[in-house]
Amino acid sequence: MQKAVKKTRDFQKLSSGWNIAFNIVAGVFAFLCVFPFLFVTIISFTDESTLALNGYSLFPEKLSLEAYKYVFQTGDQLLRSYGVTIFVTVVGTVISLIVTTLFAYAISRKSFKYRNFFAFFAFFTMLFNGGLVPTYIVATQLLGLKNSVWALILPLLVNAFYIMIMRTFFATMVPGAIIESGKIDGAGEFGIFIRLVLPLSLPGIATIALFNTLGYWNDWFNALLYIEKPDLVPLQSMLMRIENSMQFILQNSQNTSINVGILQDMPQDTSRMAMVVLATGPIIFAYPFFQRYFIQGLTIGAVKE
C-alpha cells in the first residue's frame, strides 16, 4: 500500500525540467500582459516630433513631458475629477457588495420560500431592460439624480450577473453543515451570514469587488447623461472631453484663425497615451489587494461529511 501511494506521489510531482519550462511559459505570458501598458507609458513620455519622425519605439531618441503638461493644463479640474472618481469607486463598490451579497445569499438558501421568484426577478433584468429613454426619465425626473454624485453610483449599483455568480458561490462553496452548526449555537440569520458565510466567501466577494471597482472607475457614460456641473465630472469623462476638444481643434483648424505653430506643438498622439496612463495607472494598484484572495481555497476540507 505504501509503495502504491509513493508511486502516485512521484507521478504527480513535476520534474525540475518541466517545472522550469512551466515557469518560463508563465513568465513570458506575464510579460506579454504587462508589456502593452509599459509601451504606452514609454510613448507618453516621447517627444511628439520624434514620434512623428521615427514612429513608435521602445527606446525613443528624445523624451518629453509635453503630453502631461497639456493634460494638466486643466489645473484643479483634474484633481477634482480624480477625487470624484475615487469617491464614486469606493462608495459604489462598498454599497454594491452589500446589496449583491445579501441578495445572492437569500436566494441561495433553500429554506427561503420566495427564492425562485427573486432569482427570476434578477435574471429577467439580464434579458430585458426598459431602454435608455425610460431610464433617463426615471433617473432625472422621478429620482432627481441630475447633477448629483448618486447619478454615478446608483445606475451601476446592482448587477444581476454578479448576483448569479455569488448565488452559485454561496450554494456550492459554503457547506450546509456550517450553517447548521451556526443554528445549533443559537446564531441568527445575520449572525450566520456575517460570522460564518462571509469569511468563507472572501474569494468570491473579492472577485465581485474587483469587477465593481473596474466598472465604477471606467464609467463615463453616466456622467455624459446626468452630469453638467464641472465639480462632479469624473476622471474618464474629463479625459474624454479633453480628447474631443483636441479633435475639434484639429478638424476645424482650416476654418479658424488658429496659429499653425500651436497645432504643430500640440501633442496629439502622446497626449492620448498620457490620458491612458493617468486613467489606468491608479487602478492597477487595486489588483495586488484583490489578488491574494483569488488563490485562497478557504472551504476545501473545511467540513468533512
Protein backbone atom coordinates (compact mmCIF):
# COMPACT_ATOMS: atom_id res chain seq x y z
CA MET A 1 0.00 0.00 0.00
CA GLN A 2 2.81 2.39 0.87
CA LYS A 3 4.56 1.68 -2.44
CA ALA A 4 1.38 2.47 -4.37
CA VAL A 5 1.00 5.76 -2.53
CA LYS A 6 4.63 6.60 -3.17
CA LYS A 7 4.29 5.88 -6.89
CA THR A 8 1.21 8.09 -7.09
CA ARG A 9 3.03 10.95 -5.44
CA ASP A 10 6.04 10.54 -7.74
CA PHE A 11 3.74 10.54 -10.74
CA GLN A 12 2.02 13.75 -9.64
CA LYS A 13 5.29 15.54 -8.88
CA LEU A 14 6.79 17.57 -11.75
CA SER A 15 10.40 17.12 -12.61
CA SER A 16 12.77 20.07 -12.36
CA GLY A 17 12.92 20.38 -16.17
CA TRP A 18 9.15 20.62 -16.55
CA ASN A 19 8.99 22.98 -13.59
CA ILE A 20 11.47 25.33 -15.26
CA ALA A 21 9.62 25.09 -18.58
CA PHE A 22 6.27 25.98 -16.99
CA ASN A 23 7.85 28.88 -15.12
CA ILE A 24 9.31 30.22 -18.36
CA VAL A 25 5.94 29.96 -20.10
CA ALA A 26 4.23 31.71 -17.18
CA GLY A 27 6.89 34.42 -17.17
CA VAL A 28 6.53 35.05 -20.91
CA PHE A 29 2.74 35.20 -20.57
CA ALA A 30 3.02 37.67 -17.66
CA PHE A 31 5.41 39.83 -19.68
CA LEU A 32 3.01 39.87 -22.65
CA CYS A 33 0.25 41.05 -20.31
CA VAL A 34 2.33 43.87 -18.82
CA PHE A 35 4.17 44.93 -21.99
CA PRO A 36 1.30 46.92 -23.64
CA PHE A 37 0.96 49.21 -20.64
CA LEU A 38 4.73 49.69 -20.41
CA PHE A 39 4.84 50.52 -24.13
CA VAL A 40 2.02 53.04 -23.76
CA THR A 41 3.87 54.65 -20.84
CA ILE A 42 7.05 54.96 -22.91
CA ILE A 43 5.14 56.55 -25.79
CA SER A 44 3.52 59.05 -23.43
CA PHE A 45 6.99 60.32 -22.46
CA THR A 46 8.18 60.50 -26.08
CA ASP A 47 8.63 63.82 -27.86
CA GLU A 48 5.83 64.40 -30.38
CA SER A 49 8.13 65.39 -33.24
CA THR A 50 10.35 62.38 -32.61
CA LEU A 51 7.31 60.15 -32.60
CA ALA A 52 6.10 61.59 -35.91
CA LEU A 53 9.54 61.18 -37.47
CA ASN A 54 10.61 57.76 -36.20
CA GLY A 55 7.30 56.17 -35.21
CA TYR A 56 6.73 54.11 -32.08
CA SER A 57 9.88 52.86 -30.39
CA LEU A 58 10.82 51.22 -27.11
CA PHE A 59 13.89 53.46 -26.91
CA PRO A 60 12.89 56.93 -28.16
CA GLU A 61 15.60 59.35 -29.14
CA LYS A 62 14.08 62.23 -27.20
CA LEU A 63 11.88 62.24 -24.10
CA SER A 64 9.37 64.94 -23.28
CA LEU A 65 6.75 65.83 -20.68
CA GLU A 66 4.70 67.97 -23.07
CA ALA A 67 1.86 65.44 -23.21
CA TYR A 68 1.39 65.54 -19.45
CA LYS A 69 1.75 69.33 -19.39
CA TYR A 70 -1.02 69.56 -21.97
CA VAL A 71 -3.32 67.32 -19.92
CA PHE A 72 -2.52 69.12 -16.67
CA GLN A 73 -3.45 72.47 -18.21
CA THR A 74 -6.92 71.84 -16.83
CA GLY A 75 -5.50 72.81 -13.42
CA ASP A 76 -7.56 71.85 -10.40
CA GLN A 77 -10.18 70.18 -12.58
CA LEU A 78 -8.03 67.06 -12.93
CA LEU A 79 -7.62 66.72 -9.18
CA ARG A 80 -11.34 67.25 -8.62
CA SER A 81 -12.12 64.62 -11.23
CA TYR A 82 -9.75 62.20 -9.53
CA GLY A 83 -11.48 62.89 -6.22
CA VAL A 84 -14.95 62.33 -7.70
CA THR A 85 -13.85 59.08 -9.33
CA ILE A 86 -12.20 57.77 -6.17
CA PHE A 87 -15.25 58.63 -4.06
CA VAL A 88 -17.67 57.04 -6.53
CA THR A 89 -15.49 53.94 -6.86
CA VAL A 90 -15.07 53.35 -3.13
CA VAL A 91 -18.62 54.17 -2.04
CA GLY A 92 -20.22 52.46 -5.02
CA THR A 93 -18.18 49.28 -4.59
CA VAL A 94 -18.95 49.00 -0.87
CA ILE A 95 -22.70 49.56 -1.27
CA SER A 96 -22.86 47.30 -4.31
CA LEU A 97 -21.11 44.50 -2.42
CA ILE A 98 -23.57 44.80 0.47
CA VAL A 99 -26.62 44.65 -1.79
CA THR A 100 -25.22 41.91 -4.04
CA THR A 101 -24.09 39.58 -1.26
CA LEU A 102 -27.31 39.96 0.75
CA PHE A 103 -29.49 39.34 -2.30
CA ALA A 104 -27.37 36.41 -3.50
CA TYR A 105 -27.23 34.78 -0.08
CA ALA A 106 -31.01 34.99 0.32
CA ILE A 107 -31.76 33.28 -2.99
CA SER A 108 -29.06 30.67 -2.38
CA ARG A 109 -30.78 29.39 0.77
CA LYS A 110 -33.19 26.53 0.07
CA SER A 111 -35.15 27.41 3.18
CA PHE A 112 -36.11 30.80 1.73
CA LYS A 113 -39.66 30.40 0.45
CA TYR A 114 -39.54 33.02 -2.31
CA ARG A 115 -36.02 32.39 -3.56
CA ASN A 116 -37.16 31.24 -7.03
CA PHE A 117 -39.25 34.38 -7.50
CA PHE A 118 -36.41 36.74 -6.59
CA ALA A 119 -33.91 34.71 -8.62
CA PHE A 120 -36.16 35.05 -11.68
CA PHE A 121 -36.66 38.74 -10.86
CA ALA A 122 -32.89 39.27 -11.08
CA PHE A 123 -32.40 37.01 -14.08
CA PHE A 124 -35.18 38.75 -16.03
CA THR A 125 -33.26 42.02 -15.96
CA MET A 126 -30.37 40.31 -17.75
CA LEU A 127 -32.64 39.63 -20.75
CA PHE A 128 -34.82 42.76 -20.91
CA ASN A 129 -34.49 46.38 -19.88
CA GLY A 130 -36.59 49.48 -20.20
CA GLY A 131 -34.26 51.27 -22.60
CA LEU A 132 -32.19 54.42 -22.39
CA VAL A 133 -35.00 56.99 -22.56
CA PRO A 134 -37.15 55.47 -19.75
CA THR A 135 -34.01 55.04 -17.64
CA TYR A 136 -33.10 58.68 -18.14
CA ILE A 137 -36.63 59.82 -17.25
CA VAL A 138 -36.67 57.72 -14.07
CA ALA A 139 -33.20 58.90 -13.01
CA THR A 140 -33.79 62.60 -13.66
CA GLN A 141 -37.50 63.23 -13.07
CA LEU A 142 -38.53 60.50 -10.65
CA LEU A 143 -35.34 60.12 -8.58
CA GLY A 144 -33.95 63.62 -9.18
CA LEU A 145 -30.38 62.44 -9.81
CA LYS A 146 -29.50 65.14 -12.32
CA ASN A 147 -26.17 66.75 -11.38
CA SER A 148 -25.85 64.52 -8.33
CA VAL A 149 -22.97 62.25 -7.40
CA TRP A 150 -25.52 59.48 -6.84
CA ALA A 151 -26.20 59.51 -10.57
CA LEU A 152 -22.75 57.97 -10.92
CA ILE A 153 -23.37 55.34 -8.22
CA LEU A 154 -26.97 54.11 -8.36
CA PRO A 155 -27.17 53.09 -12.06
CA LEU A 156 -24.30 50.61 -11.55
CA LEU A 157 -25.24 49.57 -8.04
CA VAL A 158 -26.88 46.20 -8.80
CA ASN A 159 -25.70 43.82 -11.49
CA ALA A 160 -27.80 40.70 -11.99
CA PHE A 161 -24.85 38.77 -13.41
CA TYR A 162 -22.82 39.38 -10.25
CA ILE A 163 -25.80 38.26 -8.17
CA MET A 164 -25.94 34.96 -10.06
CA ILE A 165 -22.21 34.45 -9.60
CA MET A 166 -22.44 35.00 -5.85
CA ARG A 167 -25.56 32.84 -5.56
CA THR A 168 -23.72 29.96 -7.22
CA PHE A 169 -20.71 30.57 -4.99
CA PHE A 170 -22.79 30.51 -1.81
CA ALA A 171 -24.69 27.41 -2.92
CA THR A 172 -21.64 25.37 -3.92
CA MET A 173 -18.75 26.61 -1.79
CA VAL A 174 -20.42 27.22 1.58
CA PRO A 175 -21.25 23.83 3.17
CA GLY A 176 -24.71 23.47 4.65
CA ALA A 177 -23.19 21.87 7.75
CA ILE A 178 -21.54 25.17 8.66
CA ILE A 179 -24.89 26.97 8.53
CA GLU A 180 -26.47 24.21 10.61
CA SER A 181 -23.68 24.49 13.16
CA GLY A 182 -24.40 28.22 13.48
CA LYS A 183 -28.07 27.49 14.12
CA ILE A 184 -27.17 24.93 16.78
CA ASP A 185 -25.04 27.55 18.53
CA GLY A 186 -28.04 29.90 18.54
CA ALA A 187 -26.90 32.36 15.86
CA GLY A 188 -29.49 34.21 13.79
CA GLU A 189 -29.52 34.62 10.04
CA PHE A 190 -27.46 37.80 10.07
CA GLY A 191 -25.06 36.32 12.60
CA ILE A 192 -24.52 33.26 10.42
CA PHE A 193 -24.08 35.42 7.34
CA ILE A 194 -21.59 37.83 8.90
CA ARG A 195 -19.60 35.46 11.11
CA LEU A 196 -19.61 32.23 9.11
CA VAL A 197 -20.58 32.79 5.47
CA LEU A 198 -18.66 35.99 4.69
CA PRO A 199 -15.25 34.75 5.96
CA LEU A 200 -15.63 31.64 3.81
CA SER A 201 -16.68 33.68 0.78
CA LEU A 202 -13.78 36.14 0.56
CA PRO A 203 -12.51 34.83 -2.82
CA GLY A 204 -15.92 35.29 -4.45
CA ILE A 205 -16.53 38.64 -2.77
CA ALA A 206 -13.08 39.88 -3.82
CA THR A 207 -13.78 38.91 -7.42
CA ILE A 208 -17.08 40.80 -7.48
CA ALA A 209 -15.45 43.75 -5.71
CA LEU A 210 -12.78 43.91 -8.41
CA PHE A 211 -15.42 43.85 -11.16
CA ASN A 212 -17.35 46.62 -9.42
CA THR A 213 -14.21 48.68 -8.88
CA LEU A 214 -13.28 48.50 -12.54
CA GLY A 215 -16.85 49.27 -13.58
CA TYR A 216 -17.09 52.41 -11.46
CA TRP A 217 -13.58 53.58 -12.29
CA ASN A 218 -14.03 53.23 -16.07
CA ASP A 219 -17.58 54.59 -16.21
CA TRP A 220 -18.04 57.71 -18.31
CA PHE A 221 -21.44 57.21 -19.91
CA ASN A 222 -23.50 58.08 -16.83
CA ALA A 223 -21.55 61.31 -16.44
CA LEU A 224 -22.32 62.11 -20.07
CA LEU A 225 -26.03 61.68 -19.38
CA TYR A 226 -26.53 63.16 -15.92
CA ILE A 227 -23.61 65.44 -15.04
CA GLU A 228 -23.23 69.03 -16.21
CA LYS A 229 -21.51 70.60 -13.19
CA PRO A 230 -17.71 70.73 -13.64
CA ASP A 231 -17.19 69.84 -9.97
CA LEU A 232 -18.90 66.45 -10.45
CA VAL A 233 -17.23 65.36 -13.69
CA PRO A 234 -15.34 62.07 -13.13
CA LEU A 235 -11.90 61.34 -14.50
CA GLN A 236 -12.87 59.28 -17.54
CA SER A 237 -15.42 61.84 -18.68
CA MET A 238 -12.96 64.70 -18.24
CA LEU A 239 -10.27 62.93 -20.28
CA MET A 240 -12.83 62.20 -22.97
CA ARG A 241 -13.75 65.89 -23.11
CA ILE A 242 -10.08 66.83 -23.49
CA GLU A 243 -9.79 64.35 -26.35
CA ASN A 244 -12.92 65.73 -28.02
CA SER A 245 -11.66 69.29 -27.67
CA MET A 246 -8.37 68.33 -29.28
CA GLN A 247 -10.14 66.61 -32.15
CA PHE A 248 -12.39 69.64 -32.65
CA ILE A 249 -9.42 72.00 -32.87
CA LEU A 250 -7.59 69.78 -35.33
CA GLN A 251 -10.60 69.21 -37.56
CA ASN A 252 -11.60 72.87 -37.70
CA SER A 253 -8.13 74.38 -37.89
CA GLN A 254 -8.56 75.31 -41.56
CA ASN A 255 -11.76 77.24 -40.87
CA THR A 256 -10.40 79.21 -37.92
CA SER A 257 -7.57 81.61 -37.28
CA ILE A 258 -5.64 79.22 -35.05
CA ASN A 259 -1.89 79.63 -35.21
CA VAL A 260 -0.26 76.84 -37.23
CA GLY A 261 2.61 76.68 -34.76
CA ILE A 262 0.23 75.90 -31.93
CA LEU A 263 -1.19 72.98 -33.91
CA GLN A 264 2.27 71.66 -34.66
CA ASP A 265 3.28 71.85 -30.99
CA MET A 266 0.11 70.14 -29.83
CA PRO A 267 0.99 66.63 -28.59
CA GLN A 268 -1.66 64.66 -30.43
CA ASP A 269 -0.59 61.03 -30.08
CA THR A 270 1.50 61.32 -26.91
CA SER A 271 -1.31 63.11 -25.06
CA ARG A 272 -3.66 60.23 -25.83
CA MET A 273 -1.15 57.83 -24.32
CA ALA A 274 -0.73 60.13 -21.33
CA MET A 275 -4.50 60.01 -20.79
CA VAL A 276 -4.36 56.22 -20.85
CA VAL A 277 -1.62 56.24 -18.21
CA LEU A 278 -3.46 58.72 -16.00
CA ALA A 279 -6.71 56.76 -16.27
CA THR A 280 -5.23 53.28 -15.92
CA GLY A 281 -2.27 53.80 -13.60
CA PRO A 282 -4.07 54.27 -10.26
CA ILE A 283 -6.47 51.35 -10.76
CA ILE A 284 -3.51 48.99 -11.23
CA PHE A 285 -2.80 49.29 -7.51
CA ALA A 286 -6.16 47.64 -6.81
CA TYR A 287 -5.05 44.34 -8.30
CA PRO A 288 -2.50 43.35 -5.60
CA PHE A 289 -5.13 43.99 -2.92
CA PHE A 290 -7.63 41.58 -4.51
CA GLN A 291 -5.17 39.07 -5.90
CA ARG A 292 -4.34 37.40 -2.60
CA TYR A 293 -7.97 36.34 -2.22
CA PHE A 294 -8.15 34.67 -5.63
CA ILE A 295 -5.77 31.89 -4.63
CA GLN A 296 -7.46 31.02 -1.37
CA GLY A 297 -9.42 27.80 -1.16
CA LEU A 298 -10.95 28.50 2.22
CA THR A 299 -13.69 25.87 2.06
CA ILE A 300 -11.57 23.00 0.78
CA GLY A 301 -11.54 20.45 3.56
CA ALA A 302 -13.37 22.78 5.95
CA VAL A 303 -16.12 20.24 6.54
CA LYS A 304 -15.90 16.50 6.12
CA GLU A 305 -19.22 14.81 5.59
